[in-house]
Amino acid sequence: METIKTIKGVDEETWYKLKKLSVRDRVTMGKLLHKIVEEYEKRSESFWKDILNHKGTLTNKEAEEMHLLVRKHRQEYGFRQ
């Protein structure tokens, strides 16, 4: 016997779209949700890999120069350090 699960916070329009997708693709709601979760995890992982492995826009030398310039500017105008 299967148990009934509920999803809180799903409005009628979203629920209707989910049911419509399920019918269109001829899959059960459970399989559709499983597919949605897998796709979401894959995209999230890919997104963070792109960000973390992306080559920086500044070289280390440029970053150090910018850091020193900001430090000097903060000292000149009395900002906290």
PDB file of N, CA and C in Angstrom:
ATOM      1  N   MET A   1       0.838  -1.189   0.000  1.00  0.00           N
ATOM      2  CA  MET A   1       0.000   0.000   0.000  1.00  0.00           C
ATOM      3  C   MET A   1       0.879   1.247   0.000  1.00  0.00           C
ATOM      4  N   GLU A   2       0.577   2.167  -0.875  1.00  0.00           N
ATOM      5  CA  GLU A   2       1.345   3.400  -0.958  1.00  0.00           C
ATOM      6  C   GLU A   2       0.814   4.411   0.039  1.00  0.00           C
ATOM      7  N   THR A   3       1.705   5.265   0.526  1.00  0.00           N
ATOM      8  CA  THR A   3       1.281   6.315   1.433  1.00  0.00           C
ATOM      9  C   THR A   3       1.048   7.593   0.642  1.00  0.00           C
ATOM     10  N   ILE A   4       0.203   8.440   1.173  1.00  0.00           N
ATOM     11  CA  ILE A   4      -0.098   9.711   0.523  1.00  0.00           C
ATOM     12  C   ILE A   4       0.843  10.762   1.086  1.00  0.00           C
ATOM     13  N   LYS A   5       1.473  11.511   0.191  1.00  0.00           N
ATOM     14  CA  LYS A   5       2.377  12.586   0.584  1.00  0.00           C
ATOM     15  C   LYS A   5       1.714  13.913   0.246  1.00  0.00           C
ATOM     16  N   THR A   6       2.014  14.928   1.023  1.00  0.00           N
ATOM     17  CA  THR A   6       1.492  16.259   0.719  1.00  0.00           C
ATOM     18  C   THR A   6       2.656  17.219   0.540  1.00  0.00           C
ATOM     19  N   ILE A   7       2.428  18.218  -0.266  1.00  0.00           N
ATOM     20  CA  ILE A   7       3.436  19.251  -0.493  1.00  0.00           C
ATOM     21  C   ILE A   7       2.822  20.575  -0.055  1.00  0.00           C
ATOM     22  N   LYS A   8       3.428  21.207   0.930  1.00  0.00           N
ATOM     23  CA  LYS A   8       2.901  22.473   1.432  1.00  0.00           C
ATOM     24  C   LYS A   8       3.323  23.617   0.514  1.00  0.00           C
ATOM     25  N   GLY A   9       2.473  24.612   0.436  1.00  0.00           N
ATOM     26  CA  GLY A   9       2.814  25.841  -0.270  1.00  0.00           C
ATOM     27  C   GLY A   9       2.728  25.771  -1.787  1.00  0.00           C
ATOM     28  N   VAL A  10       2.073  24.749  -2.332  1.00  0.00           N
ATOM     29  CA  VAL A  10       1.928  24.649  -3.788  1.00  0.00           C
ATOM     30  C   VAL A  10       0.580  25.250  -4.164  1.00  0.00           C
ATOM     31  N   ASP A  11       0.612  26.306  -4.978  1.00  0.00           N
ATOM     32  CA  ASP A  11      -0.651  26.924  -5.382  1.00  0.00           C
ATOM     33  C   ASP A  11      -1.327  26.103  -6.480  1.00  0.00           C
ATOM     34  N   GLU A  12      -2.580  26.432  -6.749  1.00  0.00           N
ATOM     35  CA  GLU A  12      -3.382  25.667  -7.708  1.00  0.00           C
ATOM     36  C   GLU A  12      -2.778  25.690  -9.111  1.00  0.00           C
ATOM     37  N   GLU A  13      -2.272  26.843  -9.523  1.00  0.00           N
ATOM     38  CA  GLU A  13      -1.708  26.964 -10.873  1.00  0.00           C
ATOM     39  C   GLU A  13      -0.488  26.067 -11.049  1.00  0.00           C
ATOM     40  N   THR A  14       0.394  26.050 -10.056  1.00  0.00           N
ATOM     41  CA  THR A  14       1.588  25.208 -10.125  1.00  0.00           C
ATOM     42  C   THR A  14       1.204  23.734 -10.114  1.00  0.00           C
ATOM     43  N   TRP A  15       0.250  23.372  -9.264  1.00  0.00           N
ATOM     44  CA  TRP A  15      -0.197  21.979  -9.192  1.00  0.00           C
ATOM     45  C   TRP A  15      -0.805  21.547 -10.528  1.00  0.00           C
ATOM     46  N   TYR A  16      -1.586  22.440 -11.144  1.00  0.00           N
ATOM     47  CA  TYR A  16      -2.197  22.146 -12.438  1.00  0.00           C
ATOM     48  C   TYR A  16      -1.120  21.925 -13.499  1.00  0.00           C
ATOM     49  N   LYS A  17      -0.099  22.792 -13.508  1.00  0.00           N
ATOM     50  CA  LYS A  17       0.994  22.653 -14.483  1.00  0.00           C
ATOM     51  C   LYS A  17       1.734  21.334 -14.287  1.00  0.00           C
ATOM     52  N   LEU A  18       1.952  20.954 -13.038  1.00  0.00           N
ATOM     53  CA  LEU A  18       2.642  19.698 -12.738  1.00  0.00           C
ATOM     54  C   LEU A  18       1.825  18.502 -13.240  1.00  0.00           C
ATOM     55  N   LYS A  19       0.526  18.526 -12.986  1.00  0.00           N
ATOM     56  CA  LYS A  19      -0.341  17.449 -13.471  1.00  0.00           C
ATOM     57  C   LYS A  19      -0.362  17.408 -14.996  1.00  0.00           C
ATOM     58  N   LYS A  20      -0.402  18.572 -15.618  1.00  0.00           N
ATOM     59  CA  LYS A  20      -0.426  18.666 -17.075  1.00  0.00           C
ATOM     60  C   LYS A  20       0.859  18.091 -17.682  1.00  0.00           C
ATOM     61  N   LEU A  21       2.007  18.408 -17.064  1.00  0.00           N
ATOM     62  CA  LEU A  21       3.283  17.852 -17.532  1.00  0.00           C
ATOM     63  C   LEU A  21       3.303  16.337 -17.388  1.00  0.00           C
ATOM     64  N   SER A  22       2.775  15.861 -16.287  1.00  0.00           N
ATOM     65  CA  SER A  22       2.736  14.426 -16.035  1.00  0.00           C
ATOM     66  C   SER A  22       1.916  13.701 -17.102  1.00  0.00           C
ATOM     67  N   VAL A  23       0.769  14.254 -17.431  1.00  0.00           N
ATOM     68  CA  VAL A  23      -0.090  13.651 -18.454  1.00  0.00           C
ATOM     69  C   VAL A  23       0.581  13.739 -19.822  1.00  0.00           C
ATOM     70  N   ARG A  24       1.143  14.904 -20.129  1.00  0.00           N
ATOM     71  CA  ARG A  24       1.776  15.101 -21.433  1.00  0.00           C
ATOM     72  C   ARG A  24       2.914  14.113 -21.666  1.00  0.00           C
ATOM     73  N   ASP A  25       3.742  13.917 -20.626  1.00  0.00           N
ATOM     74  CA  ASP A  25       4.897  13.021 -20.752  1.00  0.00           C
ATOM     75  C   ASP A  25       4.555  11.564 -20.446  1.00  0.00           C
ATOM     76  N   ARG A  26       3.303  11.318 -20.077  1.00  0.00           N
ATOM     77  CA  ARG A  26       2.815   9.967 -19.766  1.00  0.00           C
ATOM     78  C   ARG A  26       3.655   9.277 -18.684  1.00  0.00           C
ATOM     79  N   VAL A  27       3.893  10.021 -17.609  1.00  0.00           N
ATOM     80  CA  VAL A  27       4.606   9.472 -16.451  1.00  0.00           C
ATOM     81  C   VAL A  27       3.785   9.763 -15.204  1.00  0.00           C
ATOM     82  N   THR A  28       4.080   9.030 -14.145  1.00  0.00           N
ATOM     83  CA  THR A  28       3.387   9.290 -12.882  1.00  0.00           C
ATOM     84  C   THR A  28       3.943  10.566 -12.265  1.00  0.00           C
ATOM     85  N   MET A  29       3.183  11.133 -11.338  1.00  0.00           N
ATOM     86  CA  MET A  29       3.630  12.350 -10.650  1.00  0.00           C
ATOM     87  C   MET A  29       4.929  12.083  -9.899  1.00  0.00           C
ATOM     88  N   GLY A  30       5.051  10.899  -9.315  1.00  0.00           N
ATOM     89  CA  GLY A  30       6.270  10.549  -8.583  1.00  0.00           C
ATOM     90  C   GLY A  30       7.492  10.545  -9.479  1.00  0.00           C
ATOM     91  N   LYS A  31       7.357   9.947 -10.661  1.00  0.00           N
ATOM     92  CA  LYS A  31       8.481   9.913 -11.599  1.00  0.00           C
ATOM     93  C   LYS A  31       8.821  11.313 -12.091  1.00  0.00           C
ATOM     94  N   LEU A  32       7.792  12.130 -12.328  1.00  0.00           N
ATOM     95  CA  LEU A  32       8.029  13.500 -12.777  1.00  0.00           C
ATOM     96  C   LEU A  32       8.767  14.299 -11.707  1.00  0.00           C
ATOM     97  N   LEU A  33       8.336  14.178 -10.454  1.00  0.00           N
ATOM     98  CA  LEU A  33       9.019  14.885  -9.365  1.00  0.00           C
ATOM     99  C   LEU A  33      10.459  14.405  -9.224  1.00  0.00           C
ATOM    100  N   HIS A  34      10.662  13.104  -9.369  1.00  0.00           N
ATOM    101  CA  HIS A  34      12.015  12.547  -9.300  1.00  0.00           C
ATOM    102  C   HIS A  34      12.893  13.157 -10.395  1.00  0.00           C
ATOM    103  N   LYS A  35      12.346  13.240 -11.592  1.00  0.00           N
ATOM    104  CA  LYS A  35      13.069  13.812 -12.731  1.00  0.00           C
ATOM    105  C   LYS A  35      13.392  15.294 -12.486  1.00  0.00           C
ATOM    106  N   ILE A  36      12.430  16.039 -11.936  1.00  0.00           N
ATOM    107  CA  ILE A  36      12.630  17.461 -11.640  1.00  0.00           C
ATOM    108  C   ILE A  36      13.743  17.636 -10.612  1.00  0.00           C
ATOM    109  N   VAL A  37      13.735  16.819  -9.563  1.00  0.00           N
ATOM    110  CA  VAL A  37      14.763  16.910  -8.519  1.00  0.00           C
ATOM    111  C   VAL A  37      16.140  16.587  -9.084  1.00  0.00           C
ATOM    112  N   GLU A  38      16.238  15.532  -9.892  1.00  0.00           N
ATOM    113  CA  GLU A  38      17.530  15.173 -10.490  1.00  0.00           C
ATOM    114  C   GLU A  38      18.060  16.298 -11.369  1.00  0.00           C
ATOM    115  N   GLU A  39      17.190  16.877 -12.179  1.00  0.00           N
ATOM    116  CA  GLU A  39      17.596  17.970 -13.073  1.00  0.00           C
ATOM    117  C   GLU A  39      18.053  19.184 -12.262  1.00  0.00           C
ATOM    118  N   TYR A  40      17.336  19.490 -11.189  1.00  0.00           N
ATOM    119  CA  TYR A  40      17.695  20.614 -10.326  1.00  0.00           C
ATOM    120  C   TYR A  40      19.072  20.395  -9.696  1.00  0.00           C
ATOM    121  N   GLU A  41      19.314  19.187  -9.184  1.00  0.00           N
ATOM    122  CA  GLU A  41      20.612  18.886  -8.575  1.00  0.00           C
ATOM    123  C   GLU A  41      21.737  18.989  -9.596  1.00  0.00           C
ATOM    124  N   LYS A  42      21.502  18.487 -10.796  1.00  0.00           N
ATOM    125  CA  LYS A  42      22.520  18.516 -11.842  1.00  0.00           C
ATOM    126  C   LYS A  42      22.858  19.963 -12.218  1.00  0.00           C
ATOM    127  N   ARG A  43      21.832  20.790 -12.377  1.00  0.00           N
ATOM    128  CA  ARG A  43      22.063  22.196 -12.751  1.00  0.00           C
ATOM    129  C   ARG A  43      22.750  22.964 -11.630  1.00  0.00           C
ATOM    130  N   SER A  44      22.368  22.708 -10.383  1.00  0.00           N
ATOM    131  CA  SER A  44      23.003  23.393  -9.251  1.00  0.00           C
ATOM    132  C   SER A  44      24.482  23.056  -9.185  1.00  0.00           C
ATOM    133  N   GLU A  45      24.790  21.779  -9.320  1.00  0.00           N
ATOM    134  CA  GLU A  45      26.181  21.332  -9.265  1.00  0.00           C
ATOM    135  C   GLU A  45      26.980  21.942 -10.413  1.00  0.00           C
ATOM    136  N   SER A  46      26.411  21.940 -11.592  1.00  0.00           N
ATOM    137  CA  SER A  46      27.075  22.499 -12.766  1.00  0.00           C
ATOM    138  C   SER A  46      27.312  23.994 -12.583  1.00  0.00           C
ATOM    139  N   PHE A  47      26.326  24.696 -12.033  1.00  0.00           N
ATOM    140  CA  PHE A  47      26.432  26.133 -11.799  1.00  0.00           C
ATOM    141  C   PHE A  47      27.612  26.449 -10.888  1.00  0.00           C
ATOM    142  N   TRP A  48      27.715  25.744  -9.761  1.00  0.00           N
ATOM    143  CA  TRP A  48      28.795  26.010  -8.820  1.00  0.00           C
ATOM    144  C   TRP A  48      30.146  25.583  -9.369  1.00  0.00           C
ATOM    145  N   LYS A  49      30.192  24.510 -10.151  1.00  0.00           N
ATOM    146  CA  LYS A  49      31.458  24.114 -10.772  1.00  0.00           C
ATOM    147  C   LYS A  49      31.944  25.208 -11.712  1.00  0.00           C
ATOM    148  N   ASP A  50      31.031  25.786 -12.489  1.00  0.00           N
ATOM    149  CA  ASP A  50      31.397  26.867 -13.402  1.00  0.00           C
ATOM    150  C   ASP A  50      31.949  28.067 -12.642  1.00  0.00           C
ATOM    151  N   ILE A  51      31.309  28.414 -11.546  1.00  0.00           N
ATOM    152  CA  ILE A  51      31.756  29.573 -10.773  1.00  0.00           C
ATOM    153  C   ILE A  51      33.102  29.303 -10.108  1.00  0.00           C
ATOM    154  N   LEU A  52      33.234  28.167  -9.450  1.00  0.00           N
ATOM    155  CA  LEU A  52      34.447  27.889  -8.688  1.00  0.00           C
ATOM    156  C   LEU A  52      35.654  27.581  -9.563  1.00  0.00           C
ATOM    157  N   ASN A  53      35.434  27.067 -10.756  1.00  0.00           N
ATOM    158  CA  ASN A  53      36.552  26.715 -11.629  1.00  0.00           C
ATOM    159  C   ASN A  53      36.820  27.757 -12.704  1.00  0.00           C
ATOM    160  N   HIS A  54      36.111  28.863 -12.667  1.00  0.00           N
ATOM    161  CA  HIS A  54      36.273  29.908 -13.664  1.00  0.00           C
ATOM    162  C   HIS A  54      37.581  30.663 -13.400  1.00  0.00           C
ATOM    163  N   LYS A  55      38.259  30.990 -14.477  1.00  0.00           N
ATOM    164  CA  LYS A  55      39.491  31.759 -14.344  1.00  0.00           C
ATOM    165  C   LYS A  55      39.135  33.158 -13.849  1.00  0.00           C
ATOM    166  N   GLY A  56      39.880  33.665 -12.889  1.00  0.00           N
ATOM    167  CA  GLY A  56      39.618  34.978 -12.323  1.00  0.00           C
ATOM    168  C   GLY A  56      39.786  36.087 -13.345  1.00  0.00           C
ATOM    169  N   THR A  57      39.096  37.206 -13.114  1.00  0.00           N
ATOM    170  CA  THR A  57      39.199  38.322 -14.044  1.00  0.00           C
ATOM    171  C   THR A  57      40.433  39.165 -13.763  1.00  0.00           C
ATOM    172  N   LEU A  58      40.950  39.080 -12.552  1.00  0.00           N
ATOM    173  CA  LEU A  58      42.164  39.809 -12.189  1.00  0.00           C
ATOM    174  C   LEU A  58      43.309  38.830 -11.969  1.00  0.00           C
ATOM    175  N   THR A  59      44.503  39.265 -12.322  1.00  0.00           N
ATOM    176  CA  THR A  59      45.673  38.466 -11.980  1.00  0.00           C
ATOM    177  C   THR A  59      45.961  38.687 -10.504  1.00  0.00           C
ATOM    178  N   ASN A  60      46.806  37.859  -9.922  1.00  0.00           N
ATOM    179  CA  ASN A  60      47.157  38.036  -8.510  1.00  0.00           C
ATOM    180  C   ASN A  60      47.814  39.391  -8.282  1.00  0.00           C
ATOM    181  N   LYS A  61      48.646  39.811  -9.226  1.00  0.00           N
ATOM    182  CA  LYS A  61      49.327  41.106  -9.099  1.00  0.00           C
ATOM    183  C   LYS A  61      48.305  42.243  -9.115  1.00  0.00           C
ATOM    184  N   GLU A  62      47.346  42.196 -10.041  1.00  0.00           N
ATOM    185  CA  GLU A  62      46.320  43.234 -10.116  1.00  0.00           C
ATOM    186  C   GLU A  62      45.467  43.257  -8.848  1.00  0.00           C
ATOM    187  N   ALA A  63      45.146  42.100  -8.328  1.00  0.00           N
ATOM    188  CA  ALA A  63      44.342  42.020  -7.108  1.00  0.00           C
ATOM    189  C   ALA A  63      45.096  42.619  -5.928  1.00  0.00           C
ATOM    190  N   GLU A  64      46.383  42.334  -5.825  1.00  0.00           N
ATOM    191  CA  GLU A  64      47.201  42.891  -4.745  1.00  0.00           C
ATOM    192  C   GLU A  64      47.294  44.410  -4.865  1.00  0.00           C
ATOM    193  N   GLU A  65      47.492  44.909  -6.092  1.00  0.00           N
ATOM    194  CA  GLU A  65      47.552  46.358  -6.308  1.00  0.00           C
ATOM    195  C   GLU A  65      46.234  47.021  -5.906  1.00  0.00           C
ATOM    196  N   MET A  66      45.128  46.401  -6.262  1.00  0.00           N
ATOM    197  CA  MET A  66      43.820  46.944  -5.911  1.00  0.00           C
ATOM    198  C   MET A  66      43.632  46.944  -4.396  1.00  0.00           C
ATOM    199  N   HIS A  67      44.072  45.879  -3.741  1.00  0.00           N
ATOM    200  CA  HIS A  67      43.968  45.784  -2.285  1.00  0.00           C
ATOM    201  C   HIS A  67      44.762  46.911  -1.614  1.00  0.00           C
ATOM    202  N   LEU A  68      45.981  47.150  -2.091  1.00  0.00           N
ATOM    203  CA  LEU A  68      46.807  48.219  -1.524  1.00  0.00           C
ATOM    204  C   LEU A  68      46.180  49.585  -1.768  1.00  0.00           C
ATOM    205  N   LEU A  69      45.628  49.805  -2.946  1.00  0.00           N
ATOM    206  CA  LEU A  69      44.986  51.072  -3.273  1.00  0.00           C
ATOM    207  C   LEU A  69      43.779  51.321  -2.374  1.00  0.00           C
ATOM    208  N   VAL A  70      42.986  50.300  -2.147  1.00  0.00           N
ATOM    209  CA  VAL A  70      41.814  50.433  -1.279  1.00  0.00           C
ATOM    210  C   VAL A  70      42.247  50.713   0.153  1.00  0.00           C
ATOM    211  N   ARG A  71      43.277  50.012   0.615  1.00  0.00           N
ATOM    212  CA  ARG A  71      43.781  50.231   1.972  1.00  0.00           C
ATOM    213  C   ARG A  71      44.242  51.682   2.140  1.00  0.00           C
ATOM    214  N   LYS A  72      44.973  52.192   1.151  1.00  0.00           N
ATOM    215  CA  LYS A  72      45.467  53.575   1.199  1.00  0.00           C
ATOM    216  C   LYS A  72      44.289  54.549   1.219  1.00  0.00           C
ATOM    217  N   HIS A  73      43.310  54.308   0.385  1.00  0.00           N
ATOM    218  CA  HIS A  73      42.130  55.171   0.303  1.00  0.00           C
ATOM    219  C   HIS A  73      41.375  55.180   1.634  1.00  0.00           C
ATOM    220  N   ARG A  74      41.228  54.024   2.252  1.00  0.00           N
ATOM    221  CA  ARG A  74      40.518  53.942   3.525  1.00  0.00           C
ATOM    222  C   ARG A  74      41.270  54.699   4.620  1.00  0.00           C
ATOM    223  N   GLN A  75      42.598  54.630   4.600  1.00  0.00           N
ATOM    224  CA  GLN A  75      43.393  55.346   5.595  1.00  0.00           C
ATOM    225  C   GLN A  75      43.285  56.856   5.387  1.00  0.00           C
ATOM    226  N   GLU A  76      43.316  57.300   4.137  1.00  0.00           N
ATOM    227  CA  GLU A  76      43.234  58.728   3.826  1.00  0.00           C
ATOM    228  C   GLU A  76      41.947  59.348   4.332  1.00  0.00           C
ATOM    229  N   TYR A  77      40.851  58.661   4.158  1.00  0.00           N
ATOM    230  CA  TYR A  77      39.552  59.230   4.482  1.00  0.00           C
ATOM    231  C   TYR A  77      38.995  58.752   5.820  1.00  0.00           C
ATOM    232  N   GLY A  78      39.786  58.047   6.605  1.00  0.00           N
ATOM    233  CA  GLY A  78      39.404  57.675   7.958  1.00  0.00           C
ATOM    234  C   GLY A  78      38.368  56.573   8.079  1.00  0.00           C
ATOM    235  N   PHE A  79      38.257  55.711   7.081  1.00  0.00           N
ATOM    236  CA  PHE A  79      37.347  54.575   7.195  1.00  0.00           C
ATOM    237  C   PHE A  79      37.943  53.537   8.132  1.00  0.00           C
ATOM    238  N   ARG A  80      37.071  52.692   8.691  1.00  0.00           N
ATOM    239  CA  ARG A  80      37.578  51.621   9.548  1.00  0.00           C
ATOM    240  C   ARG A  80      38.452  50.681   8.737  1.00  0.00           C
ATOM    241  N   GLN A  81      39.365  50.056   9.437  1.00  0.00           N
ATOM    242  CA  GLN A  81      40.305  49.182   8.738  1.00  0.00           C
ATOM    243  C   GLN A  81      40.081  47.747   9.046  1.00  0.00           C
TER     244      GLN A  81
END
